[in-house]
Amino acid sequence: MKIAYELNPPKLTREGHFDPQRLDSDIEALKQRALQLDRYVDSIHLTDSVLGRARVSSITAASLVKKLTKRVKLSCSIRTSDRNIITLCQAAADAIISEVDSLLILRGDIPTDGRSSGLKPSDAVRMLREQAFDCKLNLDLSFPAKIIDKNAQVVKTKLAAQPNALITQSVSSISDLSEIVDLARLHGISVVACIMVPSEKNEQSARMIGLDWSGYEKEPVEFVKEAGQVAGSVLITSPNSFQSGLDLLKSL
């Protein structure tokens, strides 16, 4: 089982203002977290402005982590909601220069100013592949945690884009995950199962995405192991409690 861990880069403003000293402190905290993860994970995933709030670029954050550890692979989220074709190509090129291994192309939350580019993730992956960016980058797409209708257009579109992998939203059911894996394998696509660490500090995040973790809350380690057996790869996320995530990793 390959294990990835999700880290959020620092926010750019606090209370509406840019504070360079606070940013330096937050970047140092990010580096220290990456160093703690080094011995427990195969890769680190850097997110892209979660909830539409401006943060340090995922690729910039990845380049900082790269200087600390050569062993761990790096992946980055890239939002299409606030990018156009030019800025998307720039991001892909920057990722290659920074030695990032994979890009997760996702729509992302609408930017806080309310404007969205309208660029669809599947179209973005297709375009990047047509321009041969995939010769140096794995191009991934996000996928629901459960298939409601395998013939739905959104499912067909994601599969037709031929991403390297489908990164699920936070899963809570092994049977649902198995169905996703079976469908993806028919198209030669890998699956990475995203799992949120069940902890008190993460409860609000779970509610926001409608995640019910009651089925694995008591035995999260066994759930992660079983998901890893099914998909081969897992992405651990603990958005509001790094220590809870680290404790889980140490138990695997």
C-alpha atoms as a PDB file:
ATOM      1  CA  MET A   1       0.000   0.000   0.000  1.00  0.00           C
ATOM      2  CA  LYS A   2       1.264   3.440  -0.951  1.00  0.00           C
ATOM      3  CA  ILE A   3       0.466   6.224   1.496  1.00  0.00           C
ATOM      4  CA  ALA A   4       0.132   9.924   0.724  1.00  0.00           C
ATOM      5  CA  TYR A   5      -0.638  12.696   3.189  1.00  0.00           C
ATOM      6  CA  GLU A   6      -2.376  15.964   2.417  1.00  0.00           C
ATOM      7  CA  LEU A   7      -0.963  19.297   3.583  1.00  0.00           C
ATOM      8  CA  ASN A   8      -2.536  22.738   3.188  1.00  0.00           C
ATOM      9  CA  PRO A   9      -0.088  25.540   2.260  1.00  0.00           C
ATOM     10  CA  PRO A  10      -0.247  28.710   4.398  1.00  0.00           C
ATOM     11  CA  LYS A  11      -2.908  31.365   3.905  1.00  0.00           C
ATOM     12  CA  LEU A  12      -1.693  34.580   2.287  1.00  0.00           C
ATOM     13  CA  THR A  13      -3.693  36.989   4.429  1.00  0.00           C
ATOM     14  CA  ARG A  14      -4.957  37.062   8.000  1.00  0.00           C
ATOM     15  CA  GLU A  15      -7.924  39.255   8.886  1.00  0.00           C
ATOM     16  CA  GLY A  16      -7.716  40.808   5.430  1.00  0.00           C
ATOM     17  CA  HIS A  17      -4.047  41.785   5.603  1.00  0.00           C
ATOM     18  CA  PHE A  18      -0.766  40.337   4.351  1.00  0.00           C
ATOM     19  CA  ASP A  19       1.679  39.742   7.183  1.00  0.00           C
ATOM     20  CA  PRO A  20       5.137  38.682   5.911  1.00  0.00           C
ATOM     21  CA  GLN A  21       6.330  37.636   9.356  1.00  0.00           C
ATOM     22  CA  ARG A  22       3.283  35.437   9.891  1.00  0.00           C
ATOM     23  CA  LEU A  23       3.761  33.935   6.439  1.00  0.00           C
ATOM     24  CA  ASP A  24       7.400  33.099   7.221  1.00  0.00           C
ATOM     25  CA  SER A  25       6.268  31.432  10.435  1.00  0.00           C
ATOM     26  CA  ASP A  26       3.564  29.444   8.653  1.00  0.00           C
ATOM     27  CA  ILE A  27       5.992  28.308   5.958  1.00  0.00           C
ATOM     28  CA  GLU A  28       8.393  27.098   8.617  1.00  0.00           C
ATOM     29  CA  ALA A  29       5.539  25.155  10.243  1.00  0.00           C
ATOM     30  CA  LEU A  30       4.758  23.561   6.868  1.00  0.00           C
ATOM     31  CA  LYS A  31       8.383  22.509   6.477  1.00  0.00           C
ATOM     32  CA  GLN A  32       8.452  20.977   9.946  1.00  0.00           C
ATOM     33  CA  ARG A  33       5.312  18.979   9.205  1.00  0.00           C
ATOM     34  CA  ALA A  34       6.824  17.701   5.972  1.00  0.00           C
ATOM     35  CA  LEU A  35       9.933  16.587   7.843  1.00  0.00           C
ATOM     36  CA  GLN A  36       7.810  14.715  10.391  1.00  0.00           C
ATOM     37  CA  LEU A  37       5.947  12.967   7.569  1.00  0.00           C
ATOM     38  CA  ASP A  38       9.097  11.936   5.731  1.00  0.00           C
ATOM     39  CA  ARG A  39       9.559   8.548   7.404  1.00  0.00           C
ATOM     40  CA  TYR A  40       5.885   7.541   7.302  1.00  0.00           C
ATOM     41  CA  VAL A  41       4.629   8.346   3.796  1.00  0.00           C
ATOM     42  CA  ASP A  42       5.473   7.686   0.178  1.00  0.00           C
ATOM     43  CA  SER A  43       4.242  11.066  -0.997  1.00  0.00           C
ATOM     44  CA  ILE A  44       2.952  14.427   0.189  1.00  0.00           C
ATOM     45  CA  HIS A  45       0.039  16.160  -1.502  1.00  0.00           C
ATOM     46  CA  LEU A  46      -0.201  19.964  -1.424  1.00  0.00           C
ATOM     47  CA  THR A  47      -3.655  21.496  -1.806  1.00  0.00           C
ATOM     48  CA  ASP A  48      -4.647  24.575  -3.795  1.00  0.00           C
ATOM     49  CA  SER A  49      -6.463  27.404  -1.986  1.00  0.00           C
ATOM     50  CA  VAL A  50      -9.041  25.313  -0.141  1.00  0.00           C
ATOM     51  CA  LEU A  51     -12.495  26.950   0.165  1.00  0.00           C
ATOM     52  CA  GLY A  52     -11.465  29.504  -2.448  1.00  0.00           C
ATOM     53  CA  ARG A  53      -9.251  31.410  -0.018  1.00  0.00           C
ATOM     54  CA  ALA A  54      -5.858  32.472  -1.358  1.00  0.00           C
ATOM     55  CA  ARG A  55      -2.933  30.431  -0.075  1.00  0.00           C
ATOM     56  CA  VAL A  56       0.674  29.931  -1.079  1.00  0.00           C
ATOM     57  CA  SER A  57       0.690  28.131  -4.422  1.00  0.00           C
ATOM     58  CA  SER A  58       0.637  24.361  -4.103  1.00  0.00           C
ATOM     59  CA  ILE A  59       3.581  24.175  -6.512  1.00  0.00           C
ATOM     60  CA  THR A  60       5.588  26.761  -4.578  1.00  0.00           C
ATOM     61  CA  ALA A  61       4.892  24.803  -1.391  1.00  0.00           C
ATOM     62  CA  ALA A  62       5.965  21.593  -3.116  1.00  0.00           C
ATOM     63  CA  SER A  63       9.239  23.175  -4.215  1.00  0.00           C
ATOM     64  CA  LEU A  64       9.958  24.108  -0.592  1.00  0.00           C
ATOM     65  CA  VAL A  65       9.242  20.560   0.562  1.00  0.00           C
ATOM     66  CA  LYS A  66      11.387  19.160  -2.254  1.00  0.00           C
ATOM     67  CA  LYS A  67      14.427  20.892  -0.789  1.00  0.00           C
ATOM     68  CA  LEU A  68      13.892  19.071   2.497  1.00  0.00           C
ATOM     69  CA  THR A  69      13.373  15.528   1.270  1.00  0.00           C
ATOM     70  CA  LYS A  70      14.356  13.818  -1.958  1.00  0.00           C
ATOM     71  CA  ARG A  71      12.742  10.492  -1.043  1.00  0.00           C
ATOM     72  CA  VAL A  72       9.105  11.527  -0.806  1.00  0.00           C
ATOM     73  CA  LYS A  73       7.200  12.085  -4.030  1.00  0.00           C
ATOM     74  CA  LEU A  74       5.112  15.225  -4.415  1.00  0.00           C
ATOM     75  CA  SER A  75       1.701  15.917  -5.871  1.00  0.00           C
ATOM     76  CA  CYS A  76      -0.277  19.141  -6.090  1.00  0.00           C
ATOM     77  CA  SER A  77      -3.891  20.128  -6.533  1.00  0.00           C
ATOM     78  CA  ILE A  78      -4.593  22.605  -9.312  1.00  0.00           C
ATOM     79  CA  ARG A  79      -7.968  24.374  -9.338  1.00  0.00           C
ATOM     80  CA  THR A  80      -9.603  25.155 -12.663  1.00  0.00           C
ATOM     81  CA  SER A  81     -12.150  27.524 -11.111  1.00  0.00           C
ATOM     82  CA  ASP A  82      -9.683  30.415 -11.119  1.00  0.00           C
ATOM     83  CA  ARG A  83      -7.441  29.453 -14.049  1.00  0.00           C
ATOM     84  CA  ASN A  84      -7.577  29.730 -17.827  1.00  0.00           C
ATOM     85  CA  ILE A  85      -5.681  27.718 -20.423  1.00  0.00           C
ATOM     86  CA  ILE A  86      -2.574  29.919 -20.222  1.00  0.00           C
ATOM     87  CA  THR A  87      -2.285  29.880 -16.437  1.00  0.00           C
ATOM     88  CA  LEU A  88      -3.003  26.146 -16.407  1.00  0.00           C
ATOM     89  CA  CYS A  89      -0.112  25.491 -18.799  1.00  0.00           C
ATOM     90  CA  GLN A  90       2.098  27.752 -16.695  1.00  0.00           C
ATOM     91  CA  ALA A  91       1.200  25.748 -13.589  1.00  0.00           C
ATOM     92  CA  ALA A  92       1.977  22.469 -15.339  1.00  0.00           C
ATOM     93  CA  ALA A  93       5.345  23.775 -16.523  1.00  0.00           C
ATOM     94  CA  ASP A  94       6.145  25.142 -13.058  1.00  0.00           C
ATOM     95  CA  ALA A  95       5.294  21.724 -11.604  1.00  0.00           C
ATOM     96  CA  ILE A  96       7.718  20.009 -13.969  1.00  0.00           C
ATOM     97  CA  ILE A  97      10.478  22.510 -13.151  1.00  0.00           C
ATOM     98  CA  SER A  98       9.821  21.970  -9.424  1.00  0.00           C
ATOM     99  CA  GLU A  99      10.030  18.174  -9.896  1.00  0.00           C
ATOM    100  CA  VAL A 100       6.425  17.558  -8.879  1.00  0.00           C
ATOM    101  CA  ASP A 101       5.295  14.059  -9.809  1.00  0.00           C
ATOM    102  CA  SER A 102       1.521  14.464 -10.162  1.00  0.00           C
ATOM    103  CA  LEU A 103      -1.145  17.116 -10.592  1.00  0.00           C
ATOM    104  CA  LEU A 104      -4.680  16.606  -9.331  1.00  0.00           C
ATOM    105  CA  ILE A 105      -6.866  18.729 -11.585  1.00  0.00           C
ATOM    106  CA  LEU A 106     -10.100  19.666  -9.844  1.00  0.00           C
ATOM    107  CA  ARG A 107     -12.711  22.380 -10.142  1.00  0.00           C
ATOM    108  CA  GLY A 108     -12.256  23.639  -6.584  1.00  0.00           C
ATOM    109  CA  ASP A 109     -14.440  25.974  -4.582  1.00  0.00           C
ATOM    110  CA  ILE A 110     -15.549  29.216  -6.208  1.00  0.00           C
ATOM    111  CA  PRO A 111     -12.996  31.969  -5.460  1.00  0.00           C
ATOM    112  CA  THR A 112     -13.968  34.359  -2.694  1.00  0.00           C
ATOM    113  CA  ASP A 113     -14.546  37.129  -5.264  1.00  0.00           C
ATOM    114  CA  GLY A 114     -17.259  34.973  -6.828  1.00  0.00           C
ATOM    115  CA  ARG A 115     -15.687  34.743 -10.289  1.00  0.00           C
ATOM    116  CA  SER A 116     -15.027  31.350 -11.885  1.00  0.00           C
ATOM    117  CA  SER A 117     -13.245  30.546 -15.154  1.00  0.00           C
ATOM    118  CA  GLY A 118     -15.650  27.790 -16.176  1.00  0.00           C
ATOM    119  CA  LEU A 119     -12.779  25.534 -17.271  1.00  0.00           C
ATOM    120  CA  LYS A 120     -13.764  21.911 -16.620  1.00  0.00           C
ATOM    121  CA  PRO A 121     -11.183  19.598 -15.018  1.00  0.00           C
ATOM    122  CA  SER A 122     -11.712  16.814 -17.563  1.00  0.00           C
ATOM    123  CA  ASP A 123     -11.192  19.278 -20.421  1.00  0.00           C
ATOM    124  CA  ALA A 124      -8.075  20.579 -18.683  1.00  0.00           C
ATOM    125  CA  VAL A 125      -6.598  17.079 -18.403  1.00  0.00           C
ATOM    126  CA  ARG A 126      -7.399  16.369 -22.040  1.00  0.00           C
ATOM    127  CA  MET A 127      -5.767  19.613 -23.152  1.00  0.00           C
ATOM    128  CA  LEU A 128      -2.628  19.042 -21.074  1.00  0.00           C
ATOM    129  CA  ARG A 129      -2.321  15.529 -22.488  1.00  0.00           C
ATOM    130  CA  GLU A 130      -2.726  16.835 -26.045  1.00  0.00           C
ATOM    131  CA  GLN A 131       0.142  19.239 -25.407  1.00  0.00           C
ATOM    132  CA  ALA A 132       2.276  16.364 -24.013  1.00  0.00           C
ATOM    133  CA  PHE A 133       2.597  17.645 -20.449  1.00  0.00           C
ATOM    134  CA  ASP A 134       1.818  14.083 -19.370  1.00  0.00           C
ATOM    135  CA  CYS A 135       5.267  12.983 -20.574  1.00  0.00           C
ATOM    136  CA  LYS A 136       6.624  14.500 -17.362  1.00  0.00           C
ATOM    137  CA  LEU A 137       3.554  14.664 -15.102  1.00  0.00           C
ATOM    138  CA  ASN A 138       0.886  12.258 -13.941  1.00  0.00           C
ATOM    139  CA  LEU A 139      -2.456  13.982 -14.503  1.00  0.00           C
ATOM    140  CA  ASP A 140      -5.197  12.969 -12.063  1.00  0.00           C
ATOM    141  CA  LEU A 141      -8.871  13.807 -11.583  1.00  0.00           C
ATOM    142  CA  SER A 142     -11.050  13.915  -8.486  1.00  0.00           C
ATOM    143  CA  PHE A 143     -13.933  11.448  -8.215  1.00  0.00           C
ATOM    144  CA  PRO A 144     -16.991  11.060  -5.961  1.00  0.00           C
ATOM    145  CA  ALA A 145     -16.746   8.773  -2.939  1.00  0.00           C
ATOM    146  CA  LYS A 146     -19.674   6.756  -4.241  1.00  0.00           C
ATOM    147  CA  ILE A 147     -20.940   5.919  -7.711  1.00  0.00           C
ATOM    148  CA  ILE A 148     -24.637   6.733  -7.896  1.00  0.00           C
ATOM    149  CA  ASP A 149     -24.939   5.991 -11.610  1.00  0.00           C
ATOM    150  CA  LYS A 150     -21.980   4.622 -13.586  1.00  0.00           C
ATOM    151  CA  ASN A 151     -23.684   5.787 -16.782  1.00  0.00           C
ATOM    152  CA  ALA A 152     -23.955   9.379 -15.566  1.00  0.00           C
ATOM    153  CA  GLN A 153     -22.345  11.883 -17.934  1.00  0.00           C
ATOM    154  CA  VAL A 154     -19.955  13.207 -15.272  1.00  0.00           C
ATOM    155  CA  VAL A 155     -18.593   9.697 -14.705  1.00  0.00           C
ATOM    156  CA  LYS A 156     -18.255   9.007 -18.426  1.00  0.00           C
ATOM    157  CA  THR A 157     -16.490  12.337 -18.960  1.00  0.00           C
ATOM    158  CA  LYS A 158     -13.913  11.693 -16.248  1.00  0.00           C
ATOM    159  CA  LEU A 159     -13.170   8.201 -17.552  1.00  0.00           C
ATOM    160  CA  ALA A 160     -12.952   9.419 -21.154  1.00  0.00           C
ATOM    161  CA  ALA A 161     -10.333  12.005 -20.158  1.00  0.00           C
ATOM    162  CA  GLN A 162      -8.017   9.072 -19.325  1.00  0.00           C
ATOM    163  CA  PRO A 163      -6.354  10.491 -16.204  1.00  0.00           C
ATOM    164  CA  ASN A 164      -3.506   8.563 -14.631  1.00  0.00           C
ATOM    165  CA  ALA A 165      -5.589   8.153 -11.459  1.00  0.00           C
ATOM    166  CA  LEU A 166      -8.908   9.022  -9.906  1.00  0.00           C
ATOM    167  CA  ILE A 167      -8.532  10.561  -6.462  1.00  0.00           C
ATOM    168  CA  THR A 168     -11.708   9.908  -4.534  1.00  0.00           C
ATOM    169  CA  GLN A 169     -13.433  12.318  -2.234  1.00  0.00           C
ATOM    170  CA  SER A 170     -13.306  11.132   1.393  1.00  0.00           C
ATOM    171  CA  VAL A 171     -14.601   7.558   1.415  1.00  0.00           C
ATOM    172  CA  SER A 172     -16.522   5.898   4.229  1.00  0.00           C
ATOM    173  CA  SER A 173     -17.386   2.541   2.648  1.00  0.00           C
ATOM    174  CA  ILE A 174     -15.096  -0.212   1.370  1.00  0.00           C
ATOM    175  CA  SER A 175     -17.865  -1.566  -0.868  1.00  0.00           C
ATOM    176  CA  ASP A 176     -18.316   1.856  -2.487  1.00  0.00           C
ATOM    177  CA  LEU A 177     -14.551   2.082  -2.973  1.00  0.00           C
ATOM    178  CA  SER A 178     -14.447  -1.388  -4.524  1.00  0.00           C
ATOM    179  CA  GLU A 179     -17.064  -0.363  -7.065  1.00  0.00           C
ATOM    180  CA  ILE A 180     -14.995   2.673  -8.051  1.00  0.00           C
ATOM    181  CA  VAL A 181     -11.835   0.570  -8.378  1.00  0.00           C
ATOM    182  CA  ASP A 182     -13.573  -2.051 -10.505  1.00  0.00           C
ATOM    183  CA  LEU A 183     -14.913   0.592 -12.882  1.00  0.00           C
ATOM    184  CA  ALA A 184     -11.608   2.471 -13.122  1.00  0.00           C
ATOM    185  CA  ARG A 185      -9.611  -0.686 -13.843  1.00  0.00           C
ATOM    186  CA  LEU A 186     -11.822  -1.430 -16.835  1.00  0.00           C
ATOM    187  CA  HIS A 187     -10.430   1.797 -18.300  1.00  0.00           C
ATOM    188  CA  GLY A 188      -6.820   1.276 -17.203  1.00  0.00           C
ATOM    189  CA  ILE A 189      -7.050   3.992 -14.536  1.00  0.00           C
ATOM    190  CA  SER A 190      -5.667   3.776 -11.008  1.00  0.00           C
ATOM    191  CA  VAL A 191      -7.556   4.852  -7.875  1.00  0.00           C
ATOM    192  CA  VAL A 192      -6.343   6.631  -4.757  1.00  0.00           C
ATOM    193  CA  ALA A 193      -8.724   6.380  -1.799  1.00  0.00           C
ATOM    194  CA  CYS A 194      -8.929   9.606   0.205  1.00  0.00           C
ATOM    195  CA  ILE A 195      -9.646   9.007   3.901  1.00  0.00           C
ATOM    196  CA  MET A 196     -10.306  11.677   6.512  1.00  0.00           C
ATOM    197  CA  VAL A 197      -8.951  11.018   9.983  1.00  0.00           C
ATOM    198  CA  PRO A 198     -11.882  10.757  12.412  1.00  0.00           C
ATOM    199  CA  SER A 199     -11.102  13.226  15.177  1.00  0.00           C
ATOM    200  CA  GLU A 200     -12.980  15.868  17.114  1.00  0.00           C
ATOM    201  CA  LYS A 201     -11.145  18.701  15.360  1.00  0.00           C
ATOM    202  CA  ASN A 202     -12.089  17.317  11.938  1.00  0.00           C
ATOM    203  CA  GLU A 203     -15.810  16.998  12.699  1.00  0.00           C
ATOM    204  CA  GLN A 204     -16.746  20.325  11.135  1.00  0.00           C
ATOM    205  CA  SER A 205     -14.875  19.486   7.930  1.00  0.00           C
ATOM    206  CA  ALA A 206     -16.650  16.122   7.789  1.00  0.00           C
ATOM    207  CA  ARG A 207     -20.040  17.795   8.182  1.00  0.00           C
ATOM    208  CA  MET A 208     -19.240  20.292   5.426  1.00  0.00           C
ATOM    209  CA  ILE A 209     -18.744  17.506   2.883  1.00  0.00           C
ATOM    210  CA  GLY A 210     -21.466  15.229   4.251  1.00  0.00           C
ATOM    211  CA  LEU A 211     -19.013  12.573   5.429  1.00  0.00           C
ATOM    212  CA  ASP A 212     -20.314   9.968   7.871  1.00  0.00           C
ATOM    213  CA  TRP A 213     -17.285   8.229   9.372  1.00  0.00           C
ATOM    214  CA  SER A 214     -19.225   6.218  11.940  1.00  0.00           C
ATOM    215  CA  GLY A 215     -18.445   3.027  10.036  1.00  0.00           C
ATOM    216  CA  TYR A 216     -14.694   3.336  10.631  1.00  0.00           C
ATOM    217  CA  GLU A 217     -14.412   5.789  13.511  1.00  0.00           C
ATOM    218  CA  LYS A 218     -13.539   3.094  16.073  1.00  0.00           C
ATOM    219  CA  GLU A 219     -10.962   1.313  13.901  1.00  0.00           C
ATOM    220  CA  PRO A 220      -9.527   3.862  11.456  1.00  0.00           C
ATOM    221  CA  VAL A 221      -6.219   2.002  11.098  1.00  0.00           C
ATOM    222  CA  GLU A 222      -7.951  -1.159   9.916  1.00  0.00           C
ATOM    223  CA  PHE A 223     -10.127   0.884   7.562  1.00  0.00           C
ATOM    224  CA  VAL A 224      -7.073   2.511   5.983  1.00  0.00           C
ATOM    225  CA  LYS A 225      -5.375  -0.871   5.583  1.00  0.00           C
ATOM    226  CA  GLU A 226      -8.440  -2.394   3.971  1.00  0.00           C
ATOM    227  CA  ALA A 227      -8.843   0.571   1.630  1.00  0.00           C
ATOM    228  CA  GLY A 228      -5.182   0.222   0.725  1.00  0.00           C
ATOM    229  CA  GLN A 229      -5.687  -3.428  -0.147  1.00  0.00           C
ATOM    230  CA  VAL A 230      -8.589  -2.522  -2.435  1.00  0.00           C
ATOM    231  CA  ALA A 231      -7.156   0.543  -4.181  1.00  0.00           C
ATOM    232  CA  GLY A 232      -3.431   0.101  -3.664  1.00  0.00           C
ATOM    233  CA  SER A 233      -2.990   3.736  -2.626  1.00  0.00           C
ATOM    234  CA  VAL A 234      -4.523   5.966   0.036  1.00  0.00           C
ATOM    235  CA  LEU A 235      -4.441   9.697   0.685  1.00  0.00           C
ATOM    236  CA  ILE A 236      -4.785  10.622   4.352  1.00  0.00           C
ATOM    237  CA  THR A 237      -6.360  13.970   5.119  1.00  0.00           C
ATOM    238  CA  SER A 238      -6.722  15.583   8.525  1.00  0.00           C
ATOM    239  CA  PRO A 239      -7.479  19.231   7.739  1.00  0.00           C
ATOM    240  CA  ASN A 240      -7.726  20.558  11.285  1.00  0.00           C
ATOM    241  CA  SER A 241      -5.509  18.220  13.281  1.00  0.00           C
ATOM    242  CA  PHE A 242      -2.052  17.379  11.994  1.00  0.00           C
ATOM    243  CA  GLN A 243      -1.241  15.492  15.190  1.00  0.00           C
ATOM    244  CA  SER A 244      -4.230  13.176  14.718  1.00  0.00           C
ATOM    245  CA  GLY A 245      -3.069  12.432  11.197  1.00  0.00           C
ATOM    246  CA  LEU A 246       0.502  11.791  12.337  1.00  0.00           C
ATOM    247  CA  ASP A 247      -0.699   9.483  15.102  1.00  0.00           C
ATOM    248  CA  LEU A 248      -2.684   7.472  12.549  1.00  0.00           C
ATOM    249  CA  LEU A 249       0.341   7.162  10.282  1.00  0.00           C
ATOM    250  CA  LYS A 250       2.467   5.916  13.160  1.00  0.00           C
ATOM    251  CA  SER A 251      -0.109   3.191  13.830  1.00  0.00           C
ATOM    252  CA  LEU A 252      -0.135   1.846  10.272  1.00  0.00           C
END
